[in-house]
Amino acid sequence: MKYTQQEKLQTMMLCEIYRTLGIQNSFNPDLIEEALSTNQYWAIDWEYPGLKSNEDTPEDVKFFVDTYDMYSILRYTYEHLDAAGKEEVAKSVSSFDEDHNLNFPGFDGNNETNYLIIGGLLKTMGRFSGEADLTKNSHLPSVDIYRRMLQVFLPARANYWVHGVGIPKEALIDTLNERIHPVHR
């Protein structure tokens, strides 16, 4: 769905009225205003299914969600390994550091701002549990890295994900090793 300039202005004015009147337990004017001002209309569809526009979720949003989910499952898998499995991961992944390799690093604030906007909207919508920083600035271009990692991770998640275990240890290792560009391996 696309909105005209007039429709955006009217809706944003209504959002301001909502805030001023303190209306709660209805629409979130902050979310609606952010979605409209950034042209991220999918957020309105996700938050208010009754207003669904029947448009597909944008690829950038799917990519963000898959990337964040990947890091959650990588950590989950690692935490469910025994000591020998964790040691194997540490030996098999170049410069392995649990915090650095298993926490969502975010997207580059200078070159990948669309993903930071998506993360902010998802956070406002409460789409991920915990204290995740969905707007974290990685300070380096990350999309290509995540694409390489997802090529290994997505099939593992689809074919082998088991609650209480995660994905296979080999898939964890292979996914983490994709962080390094093939030229530098």
Protein backbone atom coordinates (compact mmCIF):
# COMPACT_ATOMS: atom_id res chain seq x y z
CA MET A 1 0.00 0.00 0.00
CA LYS A 2 1.21 3.48 -0.79
CA TYR A 3 0.05 6.68 0.84
CA THR A 4 -0.25 10.07 -0.77
CA GLN A 5 1.36 13.08 0.85
CA GLN A 6 -2.11 14.21 1.93
CA GLU A 7 -2.96 10.83 3.50
CA LYS A 8 0.35 10.78 5.36
CA LEU A 9 -0.22 14.28 6.69
CA GLN A 10 -3.77 13.48 7.82
CA THR A 11 -2.69 10.25 9.50
CA MET A 12 0.24 11.93 11.24
CA MET A 13 -2.08 14.65 12.50
CA LEU A 14 -4.39 11.96 13.85
CA CYS A 15 -1.40 10.36 15.56
CA GLU A 16 -0.65 13.67 17.23
CA ILE A 17 -4.28 13.91 18.41
CA TYR A 18 -4.03 10.34 19.79
CA ARG A 19 -0.93 11.26 21.78
CA THR A 20 -2.37 14.55 23.04
CA LEU A 21 -5.57 12.88 24.21
CA GLY A 22 -3.61 10.02 25.77
CA ILE A 23 -5.64 7.35 24.00
CA GLN A 24 -4.31 3.90 24.88
CA ASN A 25 -5.18 0.25 24.22
CA SER A 26 -5.87 0.99 20.58
CA PHE A 27 -3.44 2.08 17.88
CA ASN A 28 0.18 2.97 18.58
CA PRO A 29 0.62 6.46 17.11
CA ASP A 30 4.42 6.30 17.42
CA LEU A 31 4.61 3.11 15.39
CA ILE A 32 2.18 4.35 12.74
CA GLU A 33 3.97 7.69 12.42
CA GLU A 34 7.39 6.00 12.12
CA ALA A 35 6.08 3.51 9.53
CA LEU A 36 4.58 6.30 7.43
CA SER A 37 7.51 8.68 7.68
CA THR A 38 9.99 5.95 6.65
CA ASN A 39 7.77 4.28 4.03
CA GLN A 40 7.90 1.02 6.00
CA TYR A 41 4.20 0.21 5.54
CA TRP A 42 4.73 -3.51 6.25
CA ALA A 43 4.91 -2.59 9.96
CA ILE A 44 1.27 -1.47 9.91
CA ASP A 45 0.30 -4.77 8.26
CA TRP A 46 2.22 -6.76 10.87
CA GLU A 47 0.94 -4.81 13.85
CA TYR A 48 -2.69 -4.52 12.73
CA PRO A 49 -3.67 -7.64 10.74
CA GLY A 50 -7.19 -6.28 10.30
CA LEU A 51 -5.69 -3.52 8.14
CA LYS A 52 -3.64 -5.95 6.03
CA SER A 53 -2.88 -4.60 2.58
CA ASN A 54 -2.22 -8.05 1.05
CA GLU A 55 1.23 -6.90 -0.05
CA ASP A 56 4.18 -9.20 0.47
CA THR A 57 6.64 -8.49 3.25
CA PRO A 58 9.62 -6.62 1.73
CA GLU A 59 12.80 -8.65 1.19
CA ASP A 60 14.80 -6.32 3.49
CA VAL A 61 12.43 -7.13 6.35
CA LYS A 62 12.65 -10.88 5.70
CA PHE A 63 16.44 -10.57 5.55
CA PHE A 64 16.57 -8.70 8.86
CA VAL A 65 14.31 -11.23 10.60
CA ASP A 66 16.26 -14.21 9.21
CA THR A 67 19.55 -12.61 10.26
CA TYR A 68 18.40 -11.88 13.79
CA ASP A 69 16.86 -15.34 14.07
CA MET A 70 20.13 -16.85 12.85
CA TYR A 71 22.11 -15.23 15.65
CA SER A 72 19.54 -16.32 18.23
CA ILE A 73 19.70 -19.92 17.03
CA LEU A 74 23.50 -19.91 16.79
CA ARG A 75 23.71 -18.82 20.43
CA TYR A 76 21.01 -21.30 21.45
CA THR A 77 22.86 -24.13 19.69
CA TYR A 78 26.19 -23.18 21.26
CA GLU A 79 24.68 -22.98 24.74
CA HIS A 80 23.27 -26.51 24.35
CA LEU A 81 26.63 -28.05 23.39
CA ASP A 82 28.63 -30.00 25.92
CA ALA A 83 32.14 -28.84 26.87
CA ALA A 84 33.77 -30.94 24.12
CA GLY A 85 31.41 -29.47 21.51
CA LYS A 86 32.17 -25.92 22.63
CA GLU A 87 35.87 -26.67 22.47
CA GLU A 88 35.48 -28.00 18.93
CA VAL A 89 33.66 -24.81 17.90
CA ALA A 90 36.44 -22.68 19.41
CA LYS A 91 39.10 -24.64 17.49
CA SER A 92 37.16 -24.72 14.21
CA VAL A 93 36.10 -21.06 14.00
CA SER A 94 38.79 -18.49 13.31
CA SER A 95 39.26 -16.07 16.22
CA PHE A 96 36.23 -17.46 18.05
CA ASP A 97 34.89 -15.28 20.83
CA GLU A 98 31.53 -16.25 22.27
CA ASP A 99 30.28 -12.69 22.75
CA HIS A 100 31.60 -11.43 19.42
CA ASN A 101 30.52 -14.40 17.30
CA LEU A 102 27.17 -15.24 18.86
CA ASN A 103 25.63 -11.84 19.55
CA PHE A 104 23.76 -10.01 16.81
CA PRO A 105 26.25 -7.37 15.57
CA GLY A 106 23.68 -5.13 13.86
CA PHE A 107 23.97 -3.25 10.58
CA ASP A 108 26.18 -0.41 9.42
CA GLY A 109 24.75 2.93 10.48
CA ASN A 110 26.30 4.75 7.52
CA ASN A 111 25.45 2.41 4.66
CA GLU A 112 22.68 0.11 5.87
CA THR A 113 20.33 2.54 7.61
CA ASN A 114 17.21 0.91 6.15
CA TYR A 115 17.96 -2.13 8.30
CA LEU A 116 18.35 0.04 11.40
CA ILE A 117 14.92 1.54 10.69
CA ILE A 118 13.47 -1.97 10.31
CA GLY A 119 15.10 -3.00 13.60
CA GLY A 120 13.63 0.03 15.36
CA LEU A 121 10.15 -0.76 14.12
CA LEU A 122 10.47 -4.43 15.14
CA LYS A 123 11.63 -3.33 18.59
CA THR A 124 8.70 -0.94 18.93
CA MET A 125 6.41 -3.80 17.94
CA GLY A 126 8.00 -6.09 20.55
CA ARG A 127 8.74 -8.74 17.92
CA PHE A 128 11.79 -10.22 19.64
CA SER A 129 12.08 -11.13 23.28
CA GLY A 130 14.88 -10.25 25.61
CA GLU A 131 17.04 -7.19 25.63
CA ALA A 132 18.07 -7.41 22.00
CA ASP A 133 19.47 -4.24 20.48
CA LEU A 134 17.78 -4.39 17.10
CA THR A 135 19.21 -1.01 16.13
CA LYS A 136 22.84 -1.86 16.91
CA ASN A 137 25.38 -0.16 14.64
CA SER A 138 27.97 -2.69 13.45
CA HIS A 139 30.18 0.13 12.11
CA LEU A 140 30.97 -1.97 9.04
CA PRO A 141 28.98 -3.12 6.03
CA SER A 142 27.38 -6.40 7.11
CA VAL A 143 24.81 -7.41 4.50
CA ASP A 144 27.26 -9.44 2.38
CA ILE A 145 28.54 -11.23 5.49
CA TYR A 146 25.01 -12.13 6.60
CA ARG A 147 24.09 -13.33 3.10
CA ARG A 148 27.00 -15.77 3.12
CA MET A 149 26.09 -16.97 6.60
CA LEU A 150 22.40 -17.36 5.73
CA GLN A 151 23.25 -19.55 2.72
CA VAL A 152 24.53 -22.14 5.19
CA PHE A 153 22.19 -21.41 8.08
CA LEU A 154 18.77 -21.35 6.36
CA PRO A 155 18.96 -24.94 5.05
CA ALA A 156 20.20 -26.12 8.46
CA ARG A 157 17.31 -24.37 10.21
CA ALA A 158 14.78 -25.74 7.72
CA ASN A 159 16.06 -29.32 7.78
CA TYR A 160 17.65 -29.92 11.18
CA TRP A 161 16.38 -27.44 13.79
CA VAL A 162 15.43 -29.27 16.98
CA HIS A 163 14.11 -27.45 20.06
CA GLY A 164 16.35 -28.19 23.02
CA VAL A 165 19.32 -28.89 20.75
CA GLY A 166 19.49 -26.30 17.97
CA ILE A 167 21.08 -26.97 14.61
CA PRO A 168 23.90 -29.50 14.09
CA LYS A 169 27.28 -28.44 15.48
CA GLU A 170 28.78 -28.70 12.00
CA ALA A 171 26.21 -26.25 10.64
CA LEU A 172 26.99 -23.89 13.53
CA ILE A 173 30.69 -24.03 12.69
CA ASP A 174 30.12 -23.68 8.94
CA THR A 175 27.77 -20.72 9.44
CA LEU A 176 30.23 -18.89 11.71
CA ASN A 177 33.09 -19.52 9.29
CA GLU A 178 31.12 -17.77 6.53
CA ARG A 179 31.77 -14.48 8.36
CA ILE A 180 35.22 -14.55 6.84
CA HIS A 181 35.25 -13.61 3.15
CA PRO A 182 36.35 -16.59 1.00
CA VAL A 183 39.35 -14.60 -0.26
CA HIS A 184 40.71 -14.39 3.30
CA ARG A 185 40.21 -18.02 4.36
